[in-house]
Protein backbone atom coordinates (compact mmCIF):
# COMPACT_ATOMS: atom_id res chain seq x y z
CA UNK A 1 7.95 25.52 -27.82
CA UNK A 2 7.67 22.06 -26.29
CA UNK A 3 4.85 19.95 -27.62
CA UNK A 4 3.30 18.21 -24.61
CA UNK A 5 0.38 15.94 -25.40
CA UNK A 6 -2.68 16.45 -23.23
CA UNK A 7 -2.97 14.13 -20.27
CA UNK A 8 -5.59 11.47 -20.62
CA UNK A 9 -7.30 10.32 -17.47
CA UNK A 10 -9.77 7.56 -16.90
CA UNK A 11 -12.42 7.97 -14.22
CA UNK A 12 -12.65 4.94 -11.93
CA UNK A 13 -14.87 4.30 -8.92
CA UNK A 14 -11.91 5.30 -6.75
CA UNK A 15 -10.79 8.45 -8.53
CA UNK A 16 -9.07 9.50 -11.73
CA UNK A 17 -6.01 7.62 -12.98
CA UNK A 18 -3.69 8.15 -15.91
CA UNK A 19 -5.12 6.12 -18.80
CA UNK A 20 -1.73 5.13 -20.25
CA UNK A 21 -0.36 4.11 -16.86
CA UNK A 22 -3.51 2.09 -16.21
CA UNK A 23 -3.12 0.20 -19.49
CA UNK A 24 0.52 -0.51 -18.61
CA UNK A 25 -0.57 -1.82 -15.20
CA UNK A 26 -3.21 -4.00 -16.77
CA UNK A 27 -0.58 -5.49 -19.07
CA UNK A 28 1.95 -6.34 -16.39
CA UNK A 29 1.00 -5.64 -12.77
CA UNK A 30 0.50 -8.67 -10.57
CA UNK A 31 -2.06 -7.58 -7.97
CA UNK A 32 -1.07 -10.55 -5.80
CA UNK A 33 2.05 -8.53 -4.92
CA UNK A 34 -0.20 -6.63 -2.52
CA UNK A 35 -1.29 -9.90 -0.90
CA UNK A 36 2.34 -10.93 -0.44
CA UNK A 37 2.86 -7.61 1.34
CA UNK A 38 0.00 -8.56 3.65
CA UNK A 39 1.79 -11.83 4.48
CA UNK A 40 5.03 -10.00 5.23
CA UNK A 41 3.14 -7.44 7.29
CA UNK A 42 1.53 -10.25 9.29
CA UNK A 43 4.98 -11.56 10.19
CA UNK A 44 6.16 -8.08 11.15
CA UNK A 45 2.97 -7.47 13.10
CA UNK A 46 3.50 -10.58 15.19
CA UNK A 47 6.99 -9.39 15.97
CA UNK A 48 5.67 -6.02 17.16
CA UNK A 49 2.63 -7.23 19.05
CA UNK A 50 -0.04 -6.71 16.40
CA UNK A 51 -0.89 -3.83 14.08
CA UNK A 52 -3.98 -5.00 12.23
CA UNK A 53 -5.06 -1.55 11.02
CA UNK A 54 -2.28 -1.45 8.42
CA UNK A 55 -3.20 -4.95 7.27
CA UNK A 56 -6.81 -3.87 6.81
CA UNK A 57 -5.69 -0.78 4.87
CA UNK A 58 -3.52 -2.91 2.58
CA UNK A 59 -6.36 -5.35 1.91
CA UNK A 60 -8.70 -2.42 1.18
CA UNK A 61 -6.16 -0.99 -1.27
CA UNK A 62 -5.80 -4.42 -2.90
CA UNK A 63 -9.57 -4.64 -3.39
CA UNK A 64 -9.60 -1.18 -4.97
CA UNK A 65 -6.71 -2.11 -7.29
CA UNK A 66 -8.51 -5.29 -8.35
CA UNK A 67 -11.47 -3.17 -9.40
CA UNK A 68 -9.38 -0.62 -11.28
CA UNK A 69 -6.74 -2.87 -12.86
CA UNK A 70 -8.60 -6.13 -13.39
CA UNK A 71 -12.17 -4.89 -13.66
CA UNK A 72 -13.42 -6.94 -10.70
CA UNK A 73 -16.77 -5.82 -9.24
CA UNK A 74 -16.67 -3.21 -6.48
CA UNK A 75 -15.98 -4.66 -3.04
CA UNK A 76 -15.05 -1.34 -1.41
CA UNK A 77 -17.82 1.28 -1.42
CA UNK A 78 -16.87 4.01 -3.87
CA UNK A 79 -18.56 6.81 -1.92
CA UNK A 80 -15.83 9.16 -0.72
CA UNK A 81 -13.15 6.55 -1.51
CA UNK A 82 -10.08 7.82 -3.35
CA UNK A 83 -7.33 5.37 -4.23
CA UNK A 84 -4.71 8.11 -3.95
CA UNK A 85 -5.79 9.06 -0.42
CA UNK A 86 -5.85 5.38 0.58
CA UNK A 87 -2.36 4.82 -0.83
CA UNK A 88 -0.98 7.95 0.85
CA UNK A 89 -2.48 6.98 4.20
CA UNK A 90 -1.04 3.49 3.89
CA UNK A 91 2.37 4.89 2.94
CA UNK A 92 2.38 7.12 6.03
CA UNK A 93 1.41 4.20 8.28
CA UNK A 94 4.06 1.92 6.74
CA UNK A 95 6.73 4.58 7.20
CA UNK A 96 5.72 4.94 10.86
CA UNK A 97 5.81 1.15 11.26
CA UNK A 98 9.26 0.97 9.67
CA UNK A 99 10.49 3.73 11.98
CA UNK A 100 9.05 1.95 15.03
CA UNK A 101 10.49 -1.38 13.95
CA UNK A 102 13.90 0.20 13.42
CA UNK A 103 13.70 1.68 16.92
CA UNK A 104 12.83 -1.69 18.42
CA UNK A 105 15.82 -3.32 16.71
CA UNK A 106 18.10 -0.49 17.85
CA UNK A 107 16.95 -0.96 21.45
CA UNK A 108 17.42 -4.72 21.26
CA UNK A 109 20.95 -4.24 19.90
CA UNK A 110 21.76 -1.75 22.67
CA UNK A 111 20.44 -4.15 25.32
CA UNK A 112 22.49 -6.97 23.82
CA UNK A 113 25.65 -4.83 23.91
CA UNK A 114 24.91 -3.85 27.52
CA UNK A 115 24.52 -7.50 28.53
CA UNK A 116 27.82 -8.39 26.89
CA UNK A 117 29.70 -5.61 28.69
């Protein structure tokens, strides 16, 4: 029989997280990575005509991570806020943005080829 230790979870204002993973994050995760993503998203947003909702979602997630990882005071209300749902929603929106951006670049390339012909 396989001996699997019981999972240990820590309750945070934004939902349960794996206690060991949280300690690992606290030891080495640079939360400013999320802010650099905001900067890159701003550049992409300008290119596409503005998508501020994703930026707001990313900043909200960053605030939640600061609370969980670095122990900063709550800045996002904890009522009905789940970090996993926020992250999943953001992932879906970023995938849609990437798909749309890819489509725009494909159309631009096709137009360029048409102009050259």
